[in-house]
Amino acid sequence: MLQVTGLRSGYGRIEALQGVSLEVRAGEIVTLIGANGAGKTTLLKALAGILPAWAGGITYDGVRIERLQPPQRVRRGLSLVPEGRGILQRMTVRENLLMGAYARDGGADLEAEAAEVLRRFPPLAPRRHQLGGTLSGGEQQMLAIGRALMARPRLLMLDEPSLGLAPLMVREIMRILAELRAQGITILLVEQNAKQALQLADRCYILATGRIVASGQARAMLESPEVQAAYLRGAGGSAAAPRGLRTED
C-alpha cells in the first residue's frame, strides 16, 4: 500500500530524515519507534505532505504522491492524527468532526457520518455540542481519531496517540486501533509507549538520527533484549541496530 524509498526531509537546513525507506502493507499495523528527536514526527509530516520531500519517493497504491498537496493525499485515503491532537478548541465536537471531511467531495451525508463516529466513541456522544477545548485528554484523542475517520481513510497515521493519557485510556485507544484494523483500515503508528505499540503491531521499524536502523516482526522486537534495554526500560534509545533483527541501509 505504502512504499517509501530514500526519503529525505527536514526543517530549514536541518536534514531530519536521511534516506528513510519502509513499507506498509494493506491490513497491517506497522509501528515506528525510536528516541526523541529520531525523526518520527518528521516522517509522518512528510508522508502527509505537511513537510516537503527533499529527495526520495513516496508511493501510495502504486502512485507517486510526494509532490501532492496534503488535501490531495487525504482524498486518496491517507490521513494523519497529529501529535498533540490538534483539536479546534473553540469548535464543538460535532464541528470538529465535520472539519475532518473538508477535503472530500460534496454530496455525502456528513451529519449521518458524524453520528456514526459518535456511536463508535460513546464518551463523545453526549458532548457533541461541547467545545473541543473542554474535553479531557482521552476524549480529545478520541475526537482527533474520529475527525480523521471522517475523511474515510484507508491508511491512518497516528503520532503519539497515548501521550499524556492515563493507563486505562491508553488501553482503550489501543483497543480502538485494533478494532479499526479489523474493519480494514491500515495503520502506521508512532508511539512513545513502545511496549504497547509492539504488542499491537504486526511489524516495526526502528528510527535513529533520521535513519531506519532495524526492522522486523513486532513480536521479535518485543522479545529482543537489545530493544528492551533501549526502548522498553526508559533508556534513551540507541542508534545501533539491535542484534538478530534485519538492518536497513
Protein backbone atom coordinates (compact mmCIF):
# COMPACT_ATOMS: atom_id res chain seq x y z
CA MET A 1 0.00 0.00 0.00
CA LEU A 2 2.73 2.49 1.01
CA GLN A 3 6.35 2.36 -0.13
CA VAL A 4 8.86 4.97 0.98
CA THR A 5 12.27 4.96 -0.71
CA GLY A 6 15.26 7.11 0.23
CA LEU A 7 13.10 9.86 1.72
CA ARG A 8 14.93 12.98 2.84
CA SER A 9 13.23 15.92 4.54
CA GLY A 10 13.68 18.37 7.38
CA TYR A 11 13.43 21.93 8.58
CA GLY A 12 15.35 24.80 7.02
CA ARG A 13 18.88 23.50 6.54
CA ILE A 14 18.45 20.67 9.04
CA GLU A 15 18.03 17.30 7.38
CA ALA A 16 15.95 15.30 9.85
CA LEU A 17 15.31 12.33 7.53
CA GLN A 18 18.40 10.92 5.86
CA GLY A 19 17.20 8.45 3.29
CA VAL A 20 14.35 6.62 5.02
CA SER A 21 12.89 3.56 3.30
CA LEU A 22 9.99 1.48 4.60
CA GLU A 23 6.85 -0.35 3.53
CA VAL A 24 3.33 -0.60 4.95
CA ARG A 25 1.19 -3.39 3.53
CA ALA A 26 -2.58 -3.30 3.33
CA GLY A 27 -4.27 -4.55 6.51
CA GLU A 28 -1.20 -4.17 8.73
CA ILE A 29 -0.44 -2.20 11.83
CA VAL A 30 3.15 -1.01 11.49
CA THR A 31 4.78 0.85 14.34
CA LEU A 32 7.75 3.19 14.25
CA ILE A 33 9.77 3.53 17.44
CA GLY A 34 12.86 5.50 18.37
CA ALA A 35 14.28 8.01 20.81
CA ASN A 36 13.09 11.60 20.99
CA GLY A 37 14.47 13.55 18.06
CA ALA A 38 14.93 10.47 15.88
CA GLY A 39 12.68 11.91 13.16
CA LYS A 40 9.44 10.01 13.73
CA THR A 41 7.14 13.05 13.66
CA THR A 42 9.08 14.48 10.72
CA LEU A 43 8.46 11.28 8.79
CA LEU A 44 4.70 11.36 9.36
CA LYS A 45 4.57 15.03 8.39
CA ALA A 46 6.47 14.31 5.18
CA LEU A 47 4.13 11.43 4.34
CA ALA A 48 1.12 13.67 4.96
CA GLY A 49 2.60 16.46 2.82
CA ILE A 50 3.00 18.93 5.68
CA LEU A 51 6.75 18.91 5.07
CA PRO A 52 8.22 18.67 1.56
CA ALA A 53 10.19 15.67 0.37
CA TRP A 54 13.67 16.93 -0.45
CA ALA A 55 14.58 13.68 -2.18
CA GLY A 56 13.32 10.15 -2.49
CA GLY A 57 9.89 8.77 -3.29
CA ILE A 58 6.54 8.12 -1.62
CA THR A 59 4.33 5.64 -3.47
CA TYR A 60 0.78 5.07 -2.29
CA ASP A 61 -1.40 2.49 -4.04
CA GLY A 62 1.07 2.42 -6.92
CA VAL A 63 1.04 6.21 -7.44
CA ARG A 64 3.86 8.62 -6.58
CA ILE A 65 2.44 11.21 -4.20
CA GLU A 66 5.45 13.14 -2.86
CA ARG A 67 4.50 16.19 -4.95
CA LEU A 68 0.82 16.16 -3.99
CA GLN A 69 -0.59 18.72 -1.55
CA PRO A 70 -1.99 17.48 1.81
CA PRO A 71 -5.69 17.69 0.74
CA GLN A 72 -4.90 15.61 -2.35
CA ARG A 73 -3.31 12.93 -0.18
CA VAL A 74 -6.31 12.96 2.14
CA ARG A 75 -8.63 12.45 -0.83
CA ARG A 76 -6.59 9.41 -1.82
CA GLY A 77 -7.21 7.89 1.62
CA LEU A 78 -4.19 8.87 3.71
CA SER A 79 -4.97 10.69 6.98
CA LEU A 80 -2.85 11.87 9.91
CA VAL A 81 -3.82 12.14 13.58
CA PRO A 82 -1.13 14.63 14.69
CA GLU A 83 0.85 14.73 17.89
CA GLY A 84 -0.96 16.95 20.38
CA ARG A 85 -4.31 16.04 18.74
CA GLY A 86 -4.80 19.42 17.02
CA ILE A 87 -8.35 19.84 18.30
CA LEU A 88 -10.08 23.06 17.25
CA GLN A 89 -10.74 24.14 20.78
CA ARG A 90 -13.39 26.79 20.09
CA MET A 91 -15.41 24.49 17.86
CA THR A 92 -17.81 21.89 19.15
CA VAL A 93 -17.23 18.16 18.94
CA ARG A 94 -19.67 18.00 16.03
CA GLU A 95 -17.95 20.87 14.21
CA ASN A 96 -14.54 19.25 14.71
CA LEU A 97 -15.84 16.06 13.14
CA LEU A 98 -17.32 17.87 10.15
CA MET A 99 -13.99 19.63 9.60
CA GLY A 100 -12.44 16.19 9.15
CA ALA A 101 -14.33 15.87 5.86
CA TYR A 102 -13.05 19.20 4.46
CA ALA A 103 -11.10 17.58 1.62
CA ARG A 104 -13.89 15.31 0.47
CA ASP A 105 -16.15 15.95 -2.49
CA GLY A 106 -19.67 17.10 -1.72
CA GLY A 107 -22.82 15.05 -1.75
CA ALA A 108 -22.25 12.85 1.29
CA ASP A 109 -24.49 12.94 4.32
CA LEU A 110 -21.82 14.25 6.68
CA GLU A 111 -24.20 14.62 9.61
CA ALA A 112 -25.05 10.92 9.38
CA GLU A 113 -21.37 10.00 9.21
CA ALA A 114 -20.57 12.22 12.19
CA ALA A 115 -23.35 10.48 14.12
CA GLU A 116 -21.80 7.12 13.23
CA VAL A 117 -18.40 8.29 14.53
CA LEU A 118 -20.08 9.37 17.77
CA ARG A 119 -21.57 5.89 18.10
CA ARG A 120 -18.06 4.47 17.72
CA PHE A 121 -16.82 6.71 20.56
CA PRO A 122 -19.61 6.65 23.19
CA PRO A 123 -17.99 9.19 25.58
CA LEU A 124 -18.25 11.83 22.83
CA ALA A 125 -21.93 11.36 22.01
CA PRO A 126 -23.36 13.34 24.96
CA ARG A 127 -20.72 16.02 24.32
CA ARG A 128 -21.47 16.63 20.64
CA HIS A 129 -22.31 20.30 21.32
CA GLN A 130 -19.48 20.81 23.83
CA LEU A 131 -16.40 22.82 22.85
CA GLY A 132 -13.42 20.65 21.93
CA GLY A 133 -11.14 22.50 24.31
CA THR A 134 -13.23 21.49 27.32
CA LEU A 135 -12.81 17.73 26.76
CA SER A 136 -10.46 15.55 28.76
CA GLY A 137 -7.22 14.39 27.17
CA GLY A 138 -8.63 10.98 26.37
CA GLU A 139 -11.80 12.44 24.90
CA GLN A 140 -9.74 14.82 22.76
CA GLN A 141 -7.73 11.89 21.43
CA MET A 142 -10.93 10.05 20.55
CA LEU A 143 -12.14 13.19 18.80
CA ALA A 144 -8.87 13.50 16.87
CA ILE A 145 -9.19 9.91 15.66
CA GLY A 146 -12.87 10.39 14.87
CA ARG A 147 -12.12 13.55 12.89
CA ALA A 148 -9.54 11.64 10.83
CA LEU A 149 -12.09 8.87 10.19
CA MET A 150 -14.44 11.44 8.67
CA ALA A 151 -12.01 11.60 5.73
CA ARG A 152 -12.67 7.89 5.07
CA PRO A 153 -9.01 6.89 5.28
CA ARG A 154 -7.62 3.58 4.12
CA LEU A 155 -4.25 4.35 5.73
CA LEU A 156 -4.40 6.07 9.11
CA MET A 157 -1.21 7.53 10.57
CA LEU A 158 -1.11 8.38 14.28
CA ASP A 159 1.58 10.36 16.09
CA GLU A 160 1.87 9.54 19.82
CA PRO A 161 -1.83 8.86 20.46
CA SER A 162 -1.20 7.76 24.07
CA LEU A 163 0.85 10.82 25.06
CA GLY A 164 -0.30 12.24 28.38
CA LEU A 165 -3.10 9.72 28.88
CA ALA A 166 -3.82 7.56 31.93
CA PRO A 167 -3.07 3.82 31.54
CA LEU A 168 -6.75 2.90 31.34
CA MET A 169 -7.29 5.35 28.49
CA VAL A 170 -4.13 4.14 26.74
CA ARG A 171 -5.56 0.62 26.69
CA GLU A 172 -8.82 1.97 25.29
CA ILE A 173 -7.03 3.83 22.49
CA MET A 174 -5.09 0.68 21.60
CA ARG A 175 -8.35 -1.30 21.59
CA ILE A 176 -9.84 1.24 19.19
CA LEU A 177 -6.85 0.92 16.84
CA ALA A 178 -7.13 -2.87 16.83
CA GLU A 179 -10.83 -2.53 16.02
CA LEU A 180 -10.10 -0.14 13.14
CA ARG A 181 -7.58 -2.58 11.67
CA ALA A 182 -10.18 -5.37 11.94
CA GLN A 183 -12.50 -3.15 9.90
CA GLY A 184 -9.97 -2.84 7.10
CA ILE A 185 -8.05 0.35 7.95
CA THR A 186 -4.26 0.06 7.64
CA ILE A 187 -2.35 1.84 10.42
CA LEU A 188 1.10 3.43 10.70
CA LEU A 189 1.68 4.18 14.37
CA VAL A 190 4.31 6.35 16.06
CA GLU A 191 4.07 5.67 19.77
CA GLN A 192 6.21 6.64 22.78
CA ASN A 193 4.80 3.65 24.69
CA ALA A 194 6.91 1.16 22.74
CA LYS A 195 5.67 -1.90 24.64
CA GLN A 196 2.02 -1.15 23.91
CA ALA A 197 2.84 -0.42 20.28
CA LEU A 198 4.80 -3.63 19.79
CA GLN A 199 2.06 -5.69 21.42
CA LEU A 200 -0.44 -4.23 18.95
CA ALA A 201 1.60 -4.09 15.73
CA ASP A 202 2.45 -6.68 13.09
CA ARG A 203 5.80 -5.17 12.15
CA CYS A 204 8.15 -2.49 13.48
CA TYR A 205 10.81 -0.12 12.21
CA ILE A 206 13.38 1.49 14.49
CA LEU A 207 14.39 5.04 13.57
CA ALA A 208 17.56 6.65 14.91
CA THR A 209 19.01 10.03 13.92
CA GLY A 210 16.95 10.17 10.76
CA ARG A 211 17.67 6.66 9.52
CA ILE A 212 15.93 3.29 9.75
CA VAL A 213 18.45 1.14 11.63
CA ALA A 214 16.40 -2.05 12.06
CA SER A 215 13.11 -3.65 11.17
CA GLY A 216 11.34 -6.88 11.93
CA GLN A 217 8.27 -8.60 13.25
CA ALA A 218 6.85 -6.75 16.24
CA ARG A 219 6.91 -9.87 18.40
CA ALA A 220 10.61 -10.39 17.72
CA MET A 221 11.28 -6.76 18.60
CA LEU A 222 9.30 -7.11 21.82
CA GLU A 223 11.34 -10.14 22.87
CA SER A 224 14.73 -8.72 21.84
CA PRO A 225 16.94 -7.93 24.89
CA GLU A 226 18.54 -5.06 22.97
CA VAL A 227 15.19 -3.47 22.13
CA GLN A 228 14.02 -3.99 25.70
CA ALA A 229 17.11 -2.25 27.06
CA ALA A 230 16.94 0.65 24.60
CA TYR A 231 13.20 1.31 24.30
CA LEU A 232 11.21 -0.61 26.90
CA ARG A 233 13.03 0.24 30.12
CA GLY A 234 13.19 4.01 29.98
CA ALA A 235 16.56 4.22 28.24
CA GLY A 236 17.14 6.98 25.76
CA GLY A 237 17.38 4.71 22.76
CA SER A 238 20.39 3.71 20.73
CA ALA A 239 21.40 4.36 17.16
CA ALA A 240 22.76 0.82 16.91
CA ALA A 241 20.64 -1.83 15.24
CA PRO A 242 19.54 -4.49 17.75
CA ARG A 243 21.23 -7.84 17.04
CA GLY A 244 19.18 -10.54 15.38
CA LEU A 245 16.93 -8.12 13.51
CA ARG A 246 17.13 -7.14 9.85
CA THR A 247 19.10 -3.94 9.42
CA GLU A 248 18.36 -1.26 6.84
CA ASP A 249 20.97 0.50 4.71
